[in-house]
Amino acid sequence: MTRMDMTMPPDGWFSVRFRVRFAETDAAGIVHHSVYLVWFEEGRSEFSRQLGMPYSGLEQAGVELLLTRSEVRYLKAIRYDEEIEIRTRTSMVKSRRMVFEYQAARVADGVVAATGTTEHLAVSRTSGRPVRIPEPFFSSWKRAVVASST
């Protein structure tokens, strides 16, 4: 992890911090709207790694998580070189589907600048047909939902 620092808050949100790169901004120095989904993917990947279930394990099991829905709500601007924190948690895990929630916050003042959700469907890497989320991924992610609701 060259760019990230991972922690697990007691409220179920997994956190990763990094600085906004120049390439992630528009001509005004504000983070481009398309970057937030990339950051959410980074948060999701680290969330899984922190649980001991990296995405590469899904690929080895012949499963991919396809993005079926995404939503981002932009609340405040984030600018070049600001340190940000992407918070990630699961809000729903079923046998073939899961939903992640995200917050993008400025570290300096704690202001949540964007929120979002993504929904995913587990599919076979070879056939593209829906499949069950393999154990122990399912159990691990399901426990994370329980932890975030307490």
N, C-alpha and C. Protein backbone atom coordinates (compact mmCIF):
# COMPACT_ATOMS: atom_id res chain seq x y z
N MET A 1 0.84 -1.18 0.00
CA MET A 1 0.00 0.00 0.00
C MET A 1 0.89 1.24 0.00
N THR A 2 1.11 1.76 -1.16
CA THR A 2 1.96 2.93 -1.27
C THR A 2 1.20 4.22 -1.05
N ARG A 3 -0.06 4.23 -1.37
CA ARG A 3 -0.82 5.45 -1.37
C ARG A 3 -1.86 5.51 -0.26
N MET A 4 -2.01 4.47 0.50
CA MET A 4 -3.13 4.38 1.42
C MET A 4 -2.72 4.04 2.84
N ASP A 5 -3.58 4.42 3.76
CA ASP A 5 -3.41 4.09 5.16
C ASP A 5 -4.76 3.57 5.64
N MET A 6 -4.85 2.28 6.03
CA MET A 6 -6.12 1.64 6.32
C MET A 6 -6.38 1.52 7.81
N THR A 7 -7.60 1.85 8.25
CA THR A 7 -8.02 1.67 9.63
C THR A 7 -9.44 1.14 9.65
N MET A 8 -9.88 0.57 10.78
CA MET A 8 -11.25 0.08 10.92
C MET A 8 -11.91 0.77 12.09
N PRO A 9 -12.76 1.76 11.84
CA PRO A 9 -13.48 2.43 12.93
C PRO A 9 -14.49 1.48 13.58
N PRO A 10 -14.86 1.74 14.82
CA PRO A 10 -15.79 0.85 15.52
C PRO A 10 -17.21 0.86 14.96
N ASP A 11 -17.57 1.84 14.13
CA ASP A 11 -18.93 1.94 13.60
C ASP A 11 -19.16 1.14 12.32
N GLY A 12 -18.17 0.33 11.90
CA GLY A 12 -18.34 -0.49 10.72
C GLY A 12 -17.83 0.12 9.43
N TRP A 13 -17.44 1.37 9.46
CA TRP A 13 -16.87 2.01 8.27
C TRP A 13 -15.39 1.69 8.19
N PHE A 14 -14.95 1.16 7.05
CA PHE A 14 -13.53 0.96 6.78
C PHE A 14 -13.03 2.24 6.12
N SER A 15 -11.82 2.67 6.46
CA SER A 15 -11.29 3.94 5.96
C SER A 15 -9.99 3.77 5.23
N VAL A 16 -9.83 4.56 4.20
CA VAL A 16 -8.55 4.65 3.49
C VAL A 16 -8.31 6.13 3.20
N ARG A 17 -7.08 6.60 3.44
CA ARG A 17 -6.74 8.01 3.24
C ARG A 17 -5.68 8.16 2.16
N PHE A 18 -5.77 9.25 1.41
CA PHE A 18 -4.75 9.61 0.42
C PHE A 18 -4.93 11.06 0.01
N ARG A 19 -3.96 11.58 -0.72
CA ARG A 19 -4.01 12.95 -1.23
C ARG A 19 -4.54 12.96 -2.66
N VAL A 20 -5.29 14.01 -2.97
CA VAL A 20 -5.82 14.19 -4.31
C VAL A 20 -4.67 14.51 -5.26
N ARG A 21 -4.58 13.73 -6.32
CA ARG A 21 -3.55 13.96 -7.34
C ARG A 21 -4.03 15.01 -8.34
N PHE A 22 -3.07 15.71 -8.94
CA PHE A 22 -3.39 16.75 -9.92
C PHE A 22 -4.22 16.17 -11.07
N ALA A 23 -3.89 14.97 -11.51
CA ALA A 23 -4.59 14.34 -12.64
C ALA A 23 -6.06 14.05 -12.34
N GLU A 24 -6.44 14.10 -11.07
CA GLU A 24 -7.83 13.82 -10.69
C GLU A 24 -8.70 15.07 -10.68
N THR A 25 -8.12 16.22 -11.04
CA THR A 25 -8.85 17.48 -10.99
C THR A 25 -9.14 18.02 -12.38
N ASP A 26 -10.10 18.95 -12.41
CA ASP A 26 -10.41 19.62 -13.67
C ASP A 26 -9.60 20.91 -13.77
N ALA A 27 -9.89 21.75 -14.75
CA ALA A 27 -9.12 22.97 -14.98
C ALA A 27 -9.21 23.94 -13.81
N ALA A 28 -10.25 23.84 -13.00
CA ALA A 28 -10.41 24.72 -11.85
C ALA A 28 -9.74 24.16 -10.59
N GLY A 29 -9.10 22.99 -10.70
CA GLY A 29 -8.43 22.39 -9.55
C GLY A 29 -9.37 21.63 -8.63
N ILE A 30 -10.60 21.40 -9.08
CA ILE A 30 -11.60 20.67 -8.30
C ILE A 30 -11.66 19.23 -8.83
N VAL A 31 -11.82 18.27 -7.93
CA VAL A 31 -11.88 16.87 -8.34
C VAL A 31 -13.01 16.67 -9.35
N HIS A 32 -12.67 16.02 -10.47
CA HIS A 32 -13.64 15.73 -11.52
C HIS A 32 -14.65 14.71 -11.01
N HIS A 33 -15.90 14.88 -11.40
CA HIS A 33 -16.97 14.01 -10.89
C HIS A 33 -16.72 12.52 -11.15
N SER A 34 -16.05 12.18 -12.24
CA SER A 34 -15.83 10.77 -12.58
C SER A 34 -14.86 10.07 -11.63
N VAL A 35 -14.06 10.83 -10.92
CA VAL A 35 -13.03 10.26 -10.04
C VAL A 35 -13.64 9.58 -8.81
N TYR A 36 -14.79 10.04 -8.38
CA TYR A 36 -15.37 9.50 -7.15
C TYR A 36 -15.65 8.00 -7.26
N LEU A 37 -16.11 7.53 -8.41
CA LEU A 37 -16.34 6.08 -8.56
C LEU A 37 -15.03 5.30 -8.52
N VAL A 38 -13.95 5.89 -9.02
CA VAL A 38 -12.64 5.25 -8.92
C VAL A 38 -12.22 5.18 -7.45
N TRP A 39 -12.42 6.26 -6.72
CA TRP A 39 -12.09 6.26 -5.29
C TRP A 39 -12.94 5.25 -4.54
N PHE A 40 -14.22 5.14 -4.89
CA PHE A 40 -15.09 4.18 -4.23
C PHE A 40 -14.60 2.75 -4.50
N GLU A 41 -14.13 2.51 -5.71
CA GLU A 41 -13.56 1.19 -6.03
C GLU A 41 -12.33 0.92 -5.17
N GLU A 42 -11.51 1.93 -4.98
CA GLU A 42 -10.33 1.79 -4.13
C GLU A 42 -10.74 1.47 -2.69
N GLY A 43 -11.75 2.17 -2.20
CA GLY A 43 -12.27 1.91 -0.86
C GLY A 43 -12.83 0.51 -0.73
N ARG A 44 -13.54 0.06 -1.74
CA ARG A 44 -14.13 -1.29 -1.75
C ARG A 44 -13.05 -2.36 -1.76
N SER A 45 -12.02 -2.16 -2.55
CA SER A 45 -10.93 -3.13 -2.60
C SER A 45 -10.22 -3.23 -1.26
N GLU A 46 -9.95 -2.09 -0.64
CA GLU A 46 -9.29 -2.09 0.66
C GLU A 46 -10.19 -2.66 1.75
N PHE A 47 -11.48 -2.39 1.66
CA PHE A 47 -12.47 -2.97 2.58
C PHE A 47 -12.33 -4.49 2.56
N SER A 48 -12.31 -5.08 1.36
CA SER A 48 -12.21 -6.53 1.23
C SER A 48 -10.87 -7.05 1.73
N ARG A 49 -9.79 -6.34 1.39
CA ARG A 49 -8.47 -6.75 1.87
C ARG A 49 -8.41 -6.74 3.39
N GLN A 50 -8.97 -5.69 3.99
CA GLN A 50 -8.94 -5.55 5.45
C GLN A 50 -9.69 -6.70 6.12
N LEU A 51 -10.70 -7.22 5.46
CA LEU A 51 -11.44 -8.37 5.99
C LEU A 51 -10.73 -9.69 5.69
N GLY A 52 -9.59 -9.60 4.98
CA GLY A 52 -8.86 -10.81 4.63
C GLY A 52 -9.41 -11.51 3.40
N MET A 53 -10.23 -10.80 2.63
CA MET A 53 -10.88 -11.37 1.45
C MET A 53 -10.61 -10.50 0.23
N PRO A 54 -9.37 -10.44 -0.26
CA PRO A 54 -9.09 -9.57 -1.41
C PRO A 54 -9.85 -10.02 -2.67
N TYR A 55 -10.16 -9.05 -3.51
CA TYR A 55 -10.88 -9.34 -4.76
C TYR A 55 -10.17 -10.39 -5.61
N SER A 56 -8.86 -10.45 -5.53
CA SER A 56 -8.12 -11.44 -6.33
C SER A 56 -8.56 -12.86 -5.97
N GLY A 57 -9.00 -13.08 -4.73
CA GLY A 57 -9.51 -14.39 -4.33
C GLY A 57 -10.81 -14.73 -5.05
N LEU A 58 -11.63 -13.73 -5.31
CA LEU A 58 -12.86 -13.97 -6.08
C LEU A 58 -12.51 -14.40 -7.49
N GLU A 59 -11.55 -13.70 -8.09
CA GLU A 59 -11.13 -14.04 -9.45
C GLU A 59 -10.60 -15.47 -9.51
N GLN A 60 -9.82 -15.86 -8.49
CA GLN A 60 -9.30 -17.22 -8.44
C GLN A 60 -10.42 -18.24 -8.30
N ALA A 61 -11.53 -17.83 -7.67
CA ALA A 61 -12.68 -18.72 -7.53
C ALA A 61 -13.57 -18.69 -8.78
N GLY A 62 -13.18 -17.90 -9.79
CA GLY A 62 -13.95 -17.84 -11.02
C GLY A 62 -15.16 -16.93 -10.97
N VAL A 63 -15.13 -15.96 -10.05
CA VAL A 63 -16.28 -15.07 -9.85
C VAL A 63 -15.85 -13.61 -10.01
N GLU A 64 -16.73 -12.82 -10.61
CA GLU A 64 -16.55 -11.37 -10.70
C GLU A 64 -17.75 -10.70 -10.07
N LEU A 65 -17.54 -9.53 -9.53
CA LEU A 65 -18.65 -8.72 -9.02
C LEU A 65 -18.92 -7.61 -10.03
N LEU A 66 -20.00 -7.76 -10.79
CA LEU A 66 -20.36 -6.76 -11.78
C LEU A 66 -21.08 -5.60 -11.12
N LEU A 67 -20.76 -4.41 -11.53
CA LEU A 67 -21.46 -3.22 -11.06
C LEU A 67 -22.80 -3.15 -11.77
N THR A 68 -23.89 -3.14 -11.01
CA THR A 68 -25.22 -3.07 -11.61
C THR A 68 -25.90 -1.73 -11.38
N ARG A 69 -25.39 -0.97 -10.39
CA ARG A 69 -25.98 0.34 -10.11
C ARG A 69 -24.95 1.16 -9.35
N SER A 70 -24.90 2.45 -9.64
CA SER A 70 -24.04 3.34 -8.86
C SER A 70 -24.74 4.68 -8.70
N GLU A 71 -24.44 5.32 -7.59
CA GLU A 71 -25.02 6.63 -7.30
C GLU A 71 -23.99 7.43 -6.52
N VAL A 72 -23.81 8.68 -6.91
CA VAL A 72 -22.93 9.58 -6.18
C VAL A 72 -23.69 10.88 -5.93
N ARG A 73 -23.63 11.36 -4.72
CA ARG A 73 -24.22 12.65 -4.37
C ARG A 73 -23.07 13.58 -4.00
N TYR A 74 -22.92 14.65 -4.76
CA TYR A 74 -21.83 15.60 -4.56
C TYR A 74 -22.31 16.72 -3.65
N LEU A 75 -21.63 16.90 -2.52
CA LEU A 75 -22.07 17.87 -1.51
C LEU A 75 -21.17 19.09 -1.41
N LYS A 76 -19.86 18.88 -1.47
CA LYS A 76 -18.86 19.96 -1.35
C LYS A 76 -17.70 19.66 -2.29
N ALA A 77 -16.94 20.69 -2.63
CA ALA A 77 -15.79 20.50 -3.52
C ALA A 77 -14.61 19.92 -2.75
N ILE A 78 -13.86 19.08 -3.45
CA ILE A 78 -12.56 18.61 -2.97
C ILE A 78 -11.55 19.10 -4.00
N ARG A 79 -10.41 19.57 -3.52
CA ARG A 79 -9.43 20.19 -4.41
C ARG A 79 -8.10 19.45 -4.41
N TYR A 80 -7.30 19.78 -5.40
CA TYR A 80 -5.97 19.22 -5.56
C TYR A 80 -5.17 19.32 -4.26
N ASP A 81 -4.47 18.24 -3.93
CA ASP A 81 -3.55 18.10 -2.81
C ASP A 81 -4.22 18.04 -1.44
N GLU A 82 -5.55 18.06 -1.38
CA GLU A 82 -6.21 17.87 -0.09
C GLU A 82 -6.11 16.39 0.29
N GLU A 83 -5.95 16.14 1.58
CA GLU A 83 -5.99 14.76 2.05
C GLU A 83 -7.45 14.39 2.23
N ILE A 84 -7.81 13.22 1.71
CA ILE A 84 -9.20 12.76 1.82
C ILE A 84 -9.25 11.39 2.45
N GLU A 85 -10.41 11.07 2.95
CA GLU A 85 -10.68 9.76 3.52
C GLU A 85 -11.90 9.19 2.82
N ILE A 86 -11.75 7.98 2.30
CA ILE A 86 -12.88 7.27 1.71
C ILE A 86 -13.32 6.23 2.73
N ARG A 87 -14.57 6.35 3.18
CA ARG A 87 -15.14 5.40 4.13
C ARG A 87 -16.06 4.46 3.36
N THR A 88 -15.95 3.18 3.67
CA THR A 88 -16.70 2.15 2.93
C THR A 88 -17.30 1.16 3.92
N ARG A 89 -18.53 0.76 3.65
CA ARG A 89 -19.15 -0.32 4.43
C ARG A 89 -20.18 -1.02 3.56
N THR A 90 -20.58 -2.21 3.98
CA THR A 90 -21.64 -2.93 3.27
C THR A 90 -22.95 -2.64 3.97
N SER A 91 -24.00 -2.45 3.18
CA SER A 91 -25.32 -2.25 3.76
C SER A 91 -26.25 -3.42 3.46
N MET A 92 -25.84 -4.29 2.51
CA MET A 92 -26.66 -5.46 2.19
C MET A 92 -25.78 -6.51 1.51
N VAL A 93 -25.90 -7.74 1.96
CA VAL A 93 -25.25 -8.87 1.30
C VAL A 93 -26.26 -10.00 1.21
N LYS A 94 -26.54 -10.44 -0.01
CA LYS A 94 -27.40 -11.60 -0.25
C LYS A 94 -26.56 -12.63 -0.99
N SER A 95 -27.14 -13.74 -1.34
CA SER A 95 -26.38 -14.83 -1.93
C SER A 95 -25.66 -14.44 -3.22
N ARG A 96 -26.24 -13.53 -4.01
CA ARG A 96 -25.64 -13.14 -5.28
C ARG A 96 -25.40 -11.64 -5.42
N ARG A 97 -25.92 -10.85 -4.51
CA ARG A 97 -25.85 -9.39 -4.62
C ARG A 97 -25.31 -8.77 -3.34
N MET A 98 -24.70 -7.60 -3.51
CA MET A 98 -24.28 -6.83 -2.35
C MET A 98 -24.29 -5.36 -2.68
N VAL A 99 -24.46 -4.54 -1.63
CA VAL A 99 -24.47 -3.09 -1.76
C VAL A 99 -23.42 -2.50 -0.83
N PHE A 100 -22.63 -1.60 -1.37
CA PHE A 100 -21.64 -0.86 -0.59
C PHE A 100 -22.10 0.59 -0.46
N GLU A 101 -21.78 1.20 0.67
CA GLU A 101 -22.01 2.63 0.89
C GLU A 101 -20.66 3.31 1.05
N TYR A 102 -20.60 4.57 0.65
CA TYR A 102 -19.33 5.31 0.70
C TYR A 102 -19.55 6.74 1.19
N GLN A 103 -18.49 7.27 1.79
CA GLN A 103 -18.40 8.68 2.13
C GLN A 103 -17.00 9.14 1.72
N ALA A 104 -16.93 10.28 1.05
CA ALA A 104 -15.64 10.92 0.74
C ALA A 104 -15.57 12.17 1.60
N ALA A 105 -14.61 12.21 2.52
CA ALA A 105 -14.51 13.32 3.46
C ALA A 105 -13.14 13.99 3.37
N ARG A 106 -13.14 15.31 3.55
CA ARG A 106 -11.88 16.03 3.66
C ARG A 106 -11.33 15.80 5.05
N VAL A 107 -10.07 15.39 5.16
CA VAL A 107 -9.47 15.09 6.45
C VAL A 107 -9.29 16.36 7.29
N ALA A 108 -8.91 17.46 6.67
CA ALA A 108 -8.61 18.69 7.40
C ALA A 108 -9.77 19.18 8.26
N ASP A 109 -11.00 19.10 7.72
CA ASP A 109 -12.14 19.62 8.48
C ASP A 109 -13.22 18.57 8.75
N GLY A 110 -13.03 17.34 8.24
CA GLY A 110 -13.99 16.26 8.49
C GLY A 110 -15.27 16.36 7.69
N VAL A 111 -15.37 17.35 6.82
CA VAL A 111 -16.59 17.55 6.04
C VAL A 111 -16.75 16.43 5.01
N VAL A 112 -17.94 15.81 5.01
CA VAL A 112 -18.25 14.80 4.00
C VAL A 112 -18.60 15.55 2.71
N ALA A 113 -17.78 15.35 1.69
CA ALA A 113 -17.94 16.08 0.44
C ALA A 113 -18.79 15.32 -0.58
N ALA A 114 -18.89 14.00 -0.43
CA ALA A 114 -19.71 13.20 -1.34
C ALA A 114 -20.11 11.91 -0.64
N THR A 115 -21.26 11.39 -1.02
CA THR A 115 -21.71 10.08 -0.55
C THR A 115 -22.10 9.26 -1.78
N GLY A 116 -22.14 7.96 -1.61
CA GLY A 116 -22.53 7.13 -2.74
C GLY A 116 -22.83 5.71 -2.36
N THR A 117 -23.38 4.99 -3.32
CA THR A 117 -23.63 3.55 -3.17
C THR A 117 -23.31 2.87 -4.49
N THR A 118 -22.92 1.61 -4.39
CA THR A 118 -22.79 0.76 -5.58
C THR A 118 -23.43 -0.58 -5.25
N GLU A 119 -24.08 -1.15 -6.24
CA GLU A 119 -24.68 -2.48 -6.10
C GLU A 119 -23.96 -3.41 -7.08
N HIS A 120 -23.71 -4.63 -6.63
CA HIS A 120 -22.94 -5.59 -7.42
C HIS A 120 -23.64 -6.93 -7.48
N LEU A 121 -23.43 -7.63 -8.61
CA LEU A 121 -23.97 -8.96 -8.83
C LEU A 121 -22.80 -9.91 -9.08
N ALA A 122 -22.78 -11.02 -8.36
CA ALA A 122 -21.74 -12.04 -8.56
C ALA A 122 -22.08 -12.85 -9.80
N VAL A 123 -21.09 -12.94 -10.72
CA VAL A 123 -21.28 -13.71 -11.95
C VAL A 123 -20.07 -14.60 -12.19
N SER A 124 -20.28 -15.65 -12.96
CA SER A 124 -19.20 -16.54 -13.37
C SER A 124 -18.31 -15.79 -14.36
N ARG A 125 -16.99 -15.90 -14.17
CA ARG A 125 -16.04 -15.26 -15.09
C ARG A 125 -16.11 -15.88 -16.48
N THR A 126 -16.52 -17.13 -16.58
CA THR A 126 -16.55 -17.80 -17.88
C THR A 126 -17.88 -17.64 -18.60
N SER A 127 -18.99 -17.81 -17.89
CA SER A 127 -20.30 -17.77 -18.55
C SER A 127 -20.99 -16.41 -18.43
N GLY A 128 -20.61 -15.62 -17.43
CA GLY A 128 -21.29 -14.34 -17.21
C GLY A 128 -22.64 -14.48 -16.52
N ARG A 129 -22.98 -15.69 -16.13
CA ARG A 129 -24.28 -15.93 -15.46
C ARG A 129 -24.15 -15.70 -13.96
N PRO A 130 -25.25 -15.26 -13.33
CA PRO A 130 -25.21 -15.05 -11.88
C PRO A 130 -24.86 -16.33 -11.13
N VAL A 131 -24.03 -16.17 -10.11
CA VAL A 131 -23.63 -17.28 -9.23
C VAL A 131 -23.66 -16.79 -7.79
N ARG A 132 -23.59 -17.74 -6.88
CA ARG A 132 -23.53 -17.39 -5.46
C ARG A 132 -22.16 -16.80 -5.13
N ILE A 133 -22.14 -15.87 -4.19
CA ILE A 133 -20.88 -15.34 -3.69
C ILE A 133 -20.21 -16.48 -2.93
N PRO A 134 -18.96 -16.80 -3.28
CA PRO A 134 -18.32 -17.94 -2.63
C PRO A 134 -18.04 -17.72 -1.15
N GLU A 135 -18.10 -18.82 -0.39
CA GLU A 135 -17.59 -18.80 0.98
C GLU A 135 -16.08 -18.74 0.88
N PRO A 136 -15.36 -18.13 1.76
CA PRO A 136 -15.80 -17.39 2.95
C PRO A 136 -16.09 -15.92 2.69
N PHE A 137 -16.09 -15.47 1.42
CA PHE A 137 -16.39 -14.07 1.12
C PHE A 137 -17.77 -13.69 1.64
N PHE A 138 -18.76 -14.55 1.34
CA PHE A 138 -20.13 -14.26 1.75
C PHE A 138 -20.21 -14.06 3.26
N SER A 139 -19.67 -15.00 4.04
CA SER A 139 -19.74 -14.92 5.51
C SER A 139 -19.04 -13.68 6.03
N SER A 140 -17.87 -13.40 5.49
CA SER A 140 -17.08 -12.26 5.95
C SER A 140 -17.82 -10.95 5.67
N TRP A 141 -18.32 -10.79 4.45
CA TRP A 141 -19.03 -9.56 4.09
C TRP A 141 -20.35 -9.45 4.85
N LYS A 142 -21.01 -10.58 5.08
CA LYS A 142 -22.27 -10.58 5.83
C LYS A 142 -22.03 -10.13 7.27
N ARG A 143 -20.93 -10.61 7.89
CA ARG A 143 -20.59 -10.17 9.26
C ARG A 143 -20.33 -8.66 9.30
N ALA A 144 -19.73 -8.12 8.23
CA ALA A 144 -19.47 -6.69 8.17
C ALA A 144 -20.76 -5.89 8.16
N VAL A 145 -21.82 -6.42 7.53
CA VAL A 145 -23.13 -5.74 7.54
C VAL A 145 -23.66 -5.71 8.97
N VAL A 146 -23.57 -6.83 9.66
CA VAL A 146 -24.04 -6.90 11.04
C VAL A 146 -23.25 -5.91 11.91
N ALA A 147 -21.93 -5.86 11.72
CA ALA A 147 -21.10 -4.95 12.51
C ALA A 147 -21.45 -3.50 12.26
N SER A 148 -21.82 -3.15 11.02
CA SER A 148 -22.11 -1.75 10.70
C SER A 148 -23.47 -1.33 11.19
N SER A 149 -24.35 -2.27 11.53
CA SER A 149 -25.70 -1.91 11.97
C SER A 149 -25.80 -1.80 13.49
N THR A 150 -24.70 -2.07 14.20
CA THR A 150 -24.75 -1.99 15.67
C THR A 150 -24.42 -0.61 16.17
